[in-house]
Amino acid sequence: GWITSVLQMRARARAGQALPLVFEVDGALAGQCNLEWILPHMATAELSVWLDPAWTRSGVSGVGAGMLVDYAVDTLGIRRLIAPIAVGNTAA
């Protein structure tokens, strides 16, 4: 379940394999943006975004993901960023 996912993500973050972040707007949780499967030796990571439907098309995910991409490239040295999109996810 959700608790297991959070605990696993925390363990991966401590190991330097993930960077889980949240979107907060005016004190409310608006979504989540993660770098996962961080492989420093290959300068590769995967970007994932989840957004509360109330914030769809608000620009929150674009700005937040853009900031995380900048951090991944400029600070972590990531050179290959993978961002899979689910077929049928028209909001993505």
N, C-alpha and C. Protein backbone atom coordinates (compact mmCIF):
# COMPACT_ATOMS: atom_id res chain seq x y z
N GLY A 1 0.80 -1.18 0.00
CA GLY A 1 0.00 0.00 0.00
C GLY A 1 0.85 1.26 0.00
N TRP A 2 0.18 2.35 0.28
CA TRP A 2 0.80 3.66 0.23
C TRP A 2 1.93 3.80 1.26
N ILE A 3 1.71 3.30 2.47
CA ILE A 3 2.73 3.41 3.52
C ILE A 3 3.99 2.66 3.11
N THR A 4 3.84 1.48 2.56
CA THR A 4 4.99 0.71 2.09
C THR A 4 5.74 1.48 1.01
N SER A 5 5.01 2.09 0.09
CA SER A 5 5.65 2.87 -0.98
C SER A 5 6.46 4.02 -0.41
N VAL A 6 5.91 4.72 0.57
CA VAL A 6 6.61 5.85 1.19
C VAL A 6 7.88 5.37 1.89
N LEU A 7 7.78 4.28 2.63
CA LEU A 7 8.96 3.76 3.33
C LEU A 7 10.03 3.30 2.35
N GLN A 8 9.64 2.67 1.26
CA GLN A 8 10.60 2.24 0.25
C GLN A 8 11.28 3.44 -0.41
N MET A 9 10.49 4.49 -0.70
CA MET A 9 11.05 5.68 -1.32
C MET A 9 12.04 6.36 -0.37
N ARG A 10 11.71 6.41 0.93
CA ARG A 10 12.63 7.00 1.91
C ARG A 10 13.94 6.22 1.95
N ALA A 11 13.87 4.91 1.89
CA ALA A 11 15.08 4.09 1.91
C ALA A 11 15.92 4.35 0.66
N ARG A 12 15.26 4.44 -0.50
CA ARG A 12 16.00 4.73 -1.75
C ARG A 12 16.60 6.13 -1.72
N ALA A 13 15.88 7.09 -1.11
CA ALA A 13 16.41 8.45 -1.00
C ALA A 13 17.67 8.47 -0.13
N ARG A 14 17.62 7.76 0.99
CA ARG A 14 18.79 7.70 1.88
C ARG A 14 19.98 7.07 1.19
N ALA A 15 19.72 6.14 0.28
CA ALA A 15 20.79 5.46 -0.46
C ALA A 15 21.26 6.26 -1.67
N GLY A 16 20.65 7.43 -1.92
CA GLY A 16 21.04 8.25 -3.06
C GLY A 16 20.47 7.77 -4.38
N GLN A 17 19.47 6.89 -4.32
CA GLN A 17 18.89 6.32 -5.54
C GLN A 17 17.61 7.02 -5.96
N ALA A 18 17.11 7.95 -5.14
CA ALA A 18 15.85 8.65 -5.45
C ALA A 18 15.84 10.00 -4.76
N LEU A 19 15.03 10.90 -5.29
CA LEU A 19 14.82 12.21 -4.69
C LEU A 19 13.33 12.51 -4.76
N PRO A 20 12.58 12.14 -3.72
CA PRO A 20 11.14 12.39 -3.71
C PRO A 20 10.82 13.79 -3.19
N LEU A 21 9.99 14.51 -3.93
CA LEU A 21 9.60 15.86 -3.56
C LEU A 21 8.09 16.02 -3.72
N VAL A 22 7.54 17.05 -3.12
CA VAL A 22 6.10 17.31 -3.27
C VAL A 22 5.89 18.69 -3.86
N PHE A 23 4.73 18.87 -4.50
CA PHE A 23 4.27 20.19 -4.92
C PHE A 23 3.35 20.69 -3.82
N GLU A 24 3.66 21.83 -3.25
CA GLU A 24 2.80 22.44 -2.25
C GLU A 24 2.40 23.82 -2.77
N VAL A 25 1.10 24.07 -2.80
CA VAL A 25 0.59 25.36 -3.25
C VAL A 25 -0.30 25.93 -2.15
N ASP A 26 0.05 27.09 -1.66
CA ASP A 26 -0.70 27.75 -0.59
C ASP A 26 -0.97 26.82 0.59
N GLY A 27 0.03 26.02 0.94
CA GLY A 27 -0.08 25.13 2.09
C GLY A 27 -0.78 23.80 1.82
N ALA A 28 -1.25 23.60 0.59
CA ALA A 28 -1.96 22.36 0.24
C ALA A 28 -1.07 21.46 -0.61
N LEU A 29 -1.17 20.16 -0.39
CA LEU A 29 -0.46 19.19 -1.22
C LEU A 29 -1.09 19.19 -2.61
N ALA A 30 -0.31 19.54 -3.61
CA ALA A 30 -0.81 19.59 -4.98
C ALA A 30 -0.32 18.42 -5.82
N GLY A 31 0.74 17.74 -5.38
CA GLY A 31 1.24 16.61 -6.14
C GLY A 31 2.62 16.19 -5.68
N GLN A 32 3.25 15.41 -6.53
CA GLN A 32 4.55 14.83 -6.20
C GLN A 32 5.41 14.81 -7.46
N CYS A 33 6.69 15.05 -7.29
CA CYS A 33 7.63 15.00 -8.41
C CYS A 33 8.88 14.30 -7.89
N ASN A 34 9.27 13.25 -8.55
CA ASN A 34 10.40 12.43 -8.07
C ASN A 34 11.46 12.24 -9.14
N LEU A 35 12.69 12.14 -8.69
CA LEU A 35 13.74 11.52 -9.48
C LEU A 35 13.91 10.14 -8.90
N GLU A 36 13.82 9.14 -9.75
CA GLU A 36 13.95 7.76 -9.29
C GLU A 36 14.98 7.05 -10.14
N TRP A 37 15.40 5.90 -9.69
CA TRP A 37 16.39 5.08 -10.41
C TRP A 37 17.61 5.92 -10.78
N ILE A 38 18.05 6.74 -9.81
CA ILE A 38 19.23 7.57 -10.04
C ILE A 38 20.45 6.66 -10.10
N LEU A 39 21.16 6.74 -11.23
CA LEU A 39 22.36 5.94 -11.44
C LEU A 39 23.52 6.91 -11.73
N PRO A 40 24.20 7.38 -10.69
CA PRO A 40 25.26 8.37 -10.90
C PRO A 40 26.36 7.92 -11.86
N HIS A 41 26.72 6.65 -11.81
CA HIS A 41 27.80 6.15 -12.67
C HIS A 41 27.40 6.18 -14.15
N MET A 42 26.10 6.25 -14.43
CA MET A 42 25.63 6.35 -15.81
C MET A 42 25.01 7.73 -16.09
N ALA A 43 25.01 8.61 -15.08
CA ALA A 43 24.43 9.96 -15.18
C ALA A 43 23.00 9.90 -15.70
N THR A 44 22.22 8.94 -15.17
CA THR A 44 20.85 8.69 -15.63
C THR A 44 19.89 8.69 -14.45
N ALA A 45 18.66 9.15 -14.72
CA ALA A 45 17.59 9.09 -13.72
C ALA A 45 16.25 9.09 -14.45
N GLU A 46 15.21 8.72 -13.71
CA GLU A 46 13.85 8.74 -14.25
C GLU A 46 13.04 9.79 -13.49
N LEU A 47 12.29 10.58 -14.22
CA LEU A 47 11.45 11.63 -13.65
C LEU A 47 10.01 11.15 -13.63
N SER A 48 9.36 11.30 -12.48
CA SER A 48 7.94 10.96 -12.41
C SER A 48 7.18 12.12 -11.76
N VAL A 49 5.96 12.33 -12.23
CA VAL A 49 5.12 13.41 -11.72
C VAL A 49 3.73 12.87 -11.44
N TRP A 50 3.18 13.22 -10.28
CA TRP A 50 1.79 12.94 -9.95
C TRP A 50 1.19 14.27 -9.53
N LEU A 51 0.01 14.58 -10.05
CA LEU A 51 -0.63 15.85 -9.74
C LEU A 51 -2.07 15.63 -9.34
N ASP A 52 -2.49 16.25 -8.25
CA ASP A 52 -3.89 16.21 -7.84
C ASP A 52 -4.73 16.80 -8.97
N PRO A 53 -5.82 16.14 -9.35
CA PRO A 53 -6.65 16.63 -10.47
C PRO A 53 -7.10 18.09 -10.30
N ALA A 54 -7.20 18.57 -9.08
CA ALA A 54 -7.62 19.95 -8.85
C ALA A 54 -6.60 20.95 -9.42
N TRP A 55 -5.36 20.50 -9.63
CA TRP A 55 -4.31 21.40 -10.10
C TRP A 55 -3.94 21.17 -11.57
N THR A 56 -4.67 20.30 -12.25
CA THR A 56 -4.39 20.03 -13.66
C THR A 56 -4.46 21.32 -14.47
N ARG A 57 -3.53 21.48 -15.38
CA ARG A 57 -3.44 22.62 -16.29
C ARG A 57 -3.24 23.95 -15.57
N SER A 58 -2.68 23.90 -14.37
CA SER A 58 -2.42 25.12 -13.61
C SER A 58 -0.99 25.62 -13.79
N GLY A 59 -0.14 24.78 -14.39
CA GLY A 59 1.27 25.11 -14.55
C GLY A 59 2.14 24.59 -13.42
N VAL A 60 1.53 24.04 -12.38
CA VAL A 60 2.29 23.56 -11.23
C VAL A 60 3.27 22.47 -11.64
N SER A 61 2.81 21.48 -12.37
CA SER A 61 3.71 20.36 -12.72
C SER A 61 4.82 20.80 -13.66
N GLY A 62 4.52 21.67 -14.59
CA GLY A 62 5.56 22.14 -15.52
C GLY A 62 6.66 22.92 -14.82
N VAL A 63 6.27 23.82 -13.93
CA VAL A 63 7.26 24.61 -13.20
C VAL A 63 8.06 23.72 -12.25
N GLY A 64 7.37 22.87 -11.49
CA GLY A 64 8.05 22.00 -10.54
C GLY A 64 8.98 21.01 -11.22
N ALA A 65 8.49 20.38 -12.28
CA ALA A 65 9.33 19.42 -13.01
C ALA A 65 10.53 20.13 -13.64
N GLY A 66 10.31 21.33 -14.16
CA GLY A 66 11.41 22.10 -14.74
C GLY A 66 12.49 22.42 -13.72
N MET A 67 12.06 22.78 -12.52
CA MET A 67 13.03 23.06 -11.45
C MET A 67 13.81 21.80 -11.08
N LEU A 68 13.12 20.66 -11.03
CA LEU A 68 13.79 19.41 -10.69
C LEU A 68 14.75 18.99 -11.80
N VAL A 69 14.39 19.20 -13.05
CA VAL A 69 15.29 18.90 -14.17
C VAL A 69 16.56 19.76 -14.05
N ASP A 70 16.39 21.05 -13.78
CA ASP A 70 17.55 21.93 -13.61
C ASP A 70 18.46 21.41 -12.50
N TYR A 71 17.89 21.02 -11.37
CA TYR A 71 18.67 20.50 -10.26
C TYR A 71 19.39 19.20 -10.64
N ALA A 72 18.66 18.32 -11.34
CA ALA A 72 19.25 17.04 -11.75
C ALA A 72 20.46 17.26 -12.65
N VAL A 73 20.34 18.17 -13.59
CA VAL A 73 21.42 18.42 -14.55
C VAL A 73 22.55 19.22 -13.91
N ASP A 74 22.20 20.33 -13.28
CA ASP A 74 23.22 21.26 -12.78
C ASP A 74 23.90 20.80 -11.49
N THR A 75 23.17 20.13 -10.61
CA THR A 75 23.72 19.76 -9.31
C THR A 75 24.12 18.29 -9.23
N LEU A 76 23.25 17.41 -9.75
CA LEU A 76 23.55 15.98 -9.67
C LEU A 76 24.36 15.46 -10.84
N GLY A 77 24.47 16.25 -11.91
CA GLY A 77 25.25 15.83 -13.08
C GLY A 77 24.54 14.82 -13.96
N ILE A 78 23.22 14.75 -13.87
CA ILE A 78 22.46 13.83 -14.71
C ILE A 78 22.53 14.31 -16.16
N ARG A 79 22.79 13.40 -17.07
CA ARG A 79 22.89 13.73 -18.49
C ARG A 79 21.81 13.04 -19.33
N ARG A 80 21.16 12.05 -18.74
CA ARG A 80 20.07 11.35 -19.44
C ARG A 80 18.90 11.23 -18.47
N LEU A 81 17.81 11.91 -18.80
CA LEU A 81 16.64 11.92 -17.95
C LEU A 81 15.48 11.28 -18.71
N ILE A 82 14.92 10.23 -18.13
CA ILE A 82 13.84 9.49 -18.75
C ILE A 82 12.54 9.91 -18.07
N ALA A 83 11.50 10.21 -18.87
CA ALA A 83 10.21 10.64 -18.30
C ALA A 83 9.09 9.91 -19.03
N PRO A 84 8.80 8.67 -18.64
CA PRO A 84 7.74 7.91 -19.30
C PRO A 84 6.36 8.51 -19.06
N ILE A 85 5.51 8.43 -20.06
CA ILE A 85 4.13 8.92 -19.96
C ILE A 85 3.20 7.76 -20.29
N ALA A 86 2.19 7.55 -19.45
CA ALA A 86 1.25 6.47 -19.65
C ALA A 86 0.36 6.74 -20.85
N VAL A 87 0.22 5.75 -21.72
CA VAL A 87 -0.69 5.86 -22.84
C VAL A 87 -2.10 6.10 -22.31
N GLY A 88 -2.78 7.06 -22.88
CA GLY A 88 -4.13 7.37 -22.43
C GLY A 88 -4.20 8.44 -21.35
N ASN A 89 -3.07 8.86 -20.83
CA ASN A 89 -3.04 9.90 -19.82
C ASN A 89 -3.00 11.25 -20.54
N THR A 90 -4.17 11.73 -20.92
CA THR A 90 -4.24 12.96 -21.71
C THR A 90 -3.75 14.19 -20.94
N ALA A 91 -3.85 14.16 -19.62
CA ALA A 91 -3.36 15.30 -18.83
C ALA A 91 -1.85 15.41 -18.90
N ALA A 92 -1.16 14.28 -19.08
CA ALA A 92 0.30 14.30 -19.16
C ALA A 92 0.75 14.86 -20.49
